[in-house]
Amino acid sequence: MLDRFRPRASAESLIETGSDLKVEGRFQETVNYNHFTSEDFANLTRVKELLTNSTDEW
């Protein structure tokens, strides 16, 4: 069951750097180094919405 939660990545994708996001200051270096993209940001926003909605029901 836990195998489906395991991320699948190629060696090439693990060493990619750069980002399509533009942020101020030193944080840009971190975003570039970690290859954080707008798609990642959209996915995290969706997860936040799902978690927020699930805790509202308690």
N, C-alpha and C. Protein backbone atom coordinates (compact mmCIF):
# COMPACT_ATOMS: atom_id res chain seq x y z
N MET A 1 0.82 -1.19 0.00
CA MET A 1 0.00 0.00 0.00
C MET A 1 0.87 1.26 0.00
N LEU A 2 1.93 1.27 0.78
CA LEU A 2 2.77 2.45 0.86
C LEU A 2 3.56 2.70 -0.42
N ASP A 3 3.69 1.69 -1.27
CA ASP A 3 4.41 1.87 -2.52
C ASP A 3 3.77 2.91 -3.42
N ARG A 4 2.46 3.05 -3.36
CA ARG A 4 1.83 4.01 -4.25
C ARG A 4 2.07 5.45 -3.79
N PHE A 5 2.48 5.64 -2.54
CA PHE A 5 2.81 6.98 -2.05
C PHE A 5 4.27 7.34 -2.30
N ARG A 6 5.08 6.35 -2.63
CA ARG A 6 6.49 6.58 -2.87
C ARG A 6 6.67 7.35 -4.18
N PRO A 7 7.40 8.46 -4.14
CA PRO A 7 7.61 9.22 -5.38
C PRO A 7 8.46 8.43 -6.36
N ARG A 8 8.16 8.58 -7.60
CA ARG A 8 8.94 7.94 -8.66
C ARG A 8 9.71 9.04 -9.39
N ALA A 9 11.02 8.89 -9.44
CA ALA A 9 11.83 9.92 -10.07
C ALA A 9 13.02 9.27 -10.75
N SER A 10 13.41 9.87 -11.86
CA SER A 10 14.61 9.42 -12.54
C SER A 10 15.82 10.13 -11.96
N ALA A 11 16.99 9.61 -12.22
CA ALA A 11 18.22 10.24 -11.72
C ALA A 11 18.37 11.66 -12.28
N GLU A 12 17.99 11.84 -13.53
CA GLU A 12 18.09 13.16 -14.15
C GLU A 12 17.19 14.18 -13.47
N SER A 13 15.98 13.76 -13.13
CA SER A 13 15.05 14.71 -12.50
C SER A 13 15.50 15.07 -11.09
N LEU A 14 16.25 14.19 -10.45
CA LEU A 14 16.72 14.46 -9.09
C LEU A 14 17.83 15.50 -9.05
N ILE A 15 18.54 15.68 -10.16
CA ILE A 15 19.63 16.66 -10.16
C ILE A 15 19.27 17.94 -10.91
N GLU A 16 18.02 18.05 -11.35
CA GLU A 16 17.58 19.27 -12.03
C GLU A 16 17.58 20.45 -11.07
N THR A 17 17.89 21.61 -11.60
CA THR A 17 17.79 22.84 -10.82
C THR A 17 17.06 23.87 -11.68
N GLY A 18 16.72 24.99 -11.07
CA GLY A 18 16.01 26.04 -11.79
C GLY A 18 14.54 26.03 -11.44
N SER A 19 13.89 27.13 -11.73
CA SER A 19 12.48 27.27 -11.40
C SER A 19 11.83 28.25 -12.36
N ASP A 20 10.53 28.12 -12.53
CA ASP A 20 9.79 29.09 -13.33
C ASP A 20 9.14 30.15 -12.44
N LEU A 21 9.39 30.06 -11.12
CA LEU A 21 8.85 31.04 -10.18
C LEU A 21 9.83 32.19 -10.00
N LYS A 22 9.33 33.36 -9.75
CA LYS A 22 10.16 34.53 -9.46
C LYS A 22 9.79 35.05 -8.08
N VAL A 23 10.75 35.03 -7.18
CA VAL A 23 10.54 35.52 -5.82
C VAL A 23 11.64 36.50 -5.47
N GLU A 24 11.44 37.23 -4.40
CA GLU A 24 12.40 38.25 -3.99
C GLU A 24 13.51 37.67 -3.13
N GLY A 25 14.69 38.22 -3.25
CA GLY A 25 15.80 37.94 -2.34
C GLY A 25 16.42 36.57 -2.47
N ARG A 26 17.01 36.15 -1.36
CA ARG A 26 17.77 34.90 -1.33
C ARG A 26 16.88 33.67 -1.50
N PHE A 27 15.61 33.80 -1.24
CA PHE A 27 14.70 32.67 -1.39
C PHE A 27 14.70 32.15 -2.82
N GLN A 28 14.98 33.02 -3.80
CA GLN A 28 15.05 32.59 -5.21
C GLN A 28 16.11 31.51 -5.40
N GLU A 29 17.24 31.63 -4.71
CA GLU A 29 18.29 30.62 -4.82
C GLU A 29 17.80 29.27 -4.31
N THR A 30 17.04 29.28 -3.22
CA THR A 30 16.50 28.05 -2.65
C THR A 30 15.49 27.42 -3.61
N VAL A 31 14.63 28.25 -4.16
CA VAL A 31 13.62 27.76 -5.11
C VAL A 31 14.29 27.16 -6.34
N ASN A 32 15.31 27.83 -6.85
CA ASN A 32 16.03 27.31 -8.01
C ASN A 32 16.74 26.00 -7.69
N TYR A 33 17.43 25.97 -6.55
CA TYR A 33 18.20 24.78 -6.18
C TYR A 33 17.29 23.57 -6.02
N ASN A 34 16.13 23.76 -5.44
CA ASN A 34 15.20 22.65 -5.19
C ASN A 34 14.27 22.37 -6.36
N HIS A 35 14.44 23.11 -7.46
CA HIS A 35 13.65 22.91 -8.67
C HIS A 35 12.15 22.95 -8.36
N PHE A 36 11.76 23.96 -7.59
CA PHE A 36 10.36 24.16 -7.20
C PHE A 36 9.67 24.95 -8.30
N THR A 37 8.61 24.40 -8.87
CA THR A 37 7.95 25.03 -10.02
C THR A 37 6.55 25.51 -9.65
N SER A 38 5.93 26.21 -10.57
CA SER A 38 4.56 26.68 -10.34
C SER A 38 3.59 25.50 -10.21
N GLU A 39 3.88 24.39 -10.88
CA GLU A 39 3.05 23.19 -10.73
C GLU A 39 3.13 22.66 -9.30
N ASP A 40 4.34 22.67 -8.72
CA ASP A 40 4.50 22.25 -7.33
C ASP A 40 3.71 23.16 -6.41
N PHE A 41 3.76 24.45 -6.67
CA PHE A 41 3.03 25.42 -5.85
C PHE A 41 1.53 25.17 -5.94
N ALA A 42 1.05 24.90 -7.15
CA ALA A 42 -0.38 24.62 -7.33
C ALA A 42 -0.79 23.35 -6.59
N ASN A 43 0.06 22.33 -6.63
CA ASN A 43 -0.23 21.09 -5.91
C ASN A 43 -0.28 21.32 -4.41
N LEU A 44 0.66 22.09 -3.88
CA LEU A 44 0.66 22.37 -2.44
C LEU A 44 -0.54 23.21 -2.04
N THR A 45 -0.96 24.12 -2.89
CA THR A 45 -2.15 24.91 -2.61
C THR A 45 -3.38 24.02 -2.54
N ARG A 46 -3.47 23.07 -3.45
CA ARG A 46 -4.59 22.13 -3.46
C ARG A 46 -4.60 21.26 -2.19
N VAL A 47 -3.42 20.79 -1.79
CA VAL A 47 -3.31 19.99 -0.56
C VAL A 47 -3.76 20.82 0.64
N LYS A 48 -3.34 22.08 0.68
CA LYS A 48 -3.74 22.96 1.77
C LYS A 48 -5.26 23.11 1.82
N GLU A 49 -5.88 23.29 0.67
CA GLU A 49 -7.34 23.42 0.62
C GLU A 49 -8.02 22.14 1.11
N LEU A 50 -7.51 20.99 0.69
CA LEU A 50 -8.10 19.72 1.13
C LEU A 50 -7.95 19.54 2.64
N LEU A 51 -6.80 19.88 3.17
CA LEU A 51 -6.58 19.75 4.61
C LEU A 51 -7.43 20.74 5.40
N THR A 52 -7.56 21.95 4.89
CA THR A 52 -8.38 22.96 5.56
C THR A 52 -9.83 22.52 5.60
N ASN A 53 -10.31 22.02 4.49
CA ASN A 53 -11.69 21.55 4.42
C ASN A 53 -11.93 20.34 5.32
N SER A 54 -10.93 19.47 5.43
CA SER A 54 -11.12 18.28 6.25
C SER A 54 -11.11 18.60 7.74
N THR A 55 -10.39 19.63 8.14
CA THR A 55 -10.36 19.99 9.57
C THR A 55 -11.56 20.83 9.96
N ASP A 56 -12.24 21.43 9.01
CA ASP A 56 -13.44 22.21 9.30
C ASP A 56 -14.59 21.31 9.77
N GLU A 57 -14.56 20.05 9.39
CA GLU A 57 -15.64 19.13 9.71
C GLU A 57 -15.58 18.63 11.14
N TRP A 58 -14.50 18.84 11.85
CA TRP A 58 -14.33 18.33 13.22
C TRP A 58 -15.12 19.14 14.12
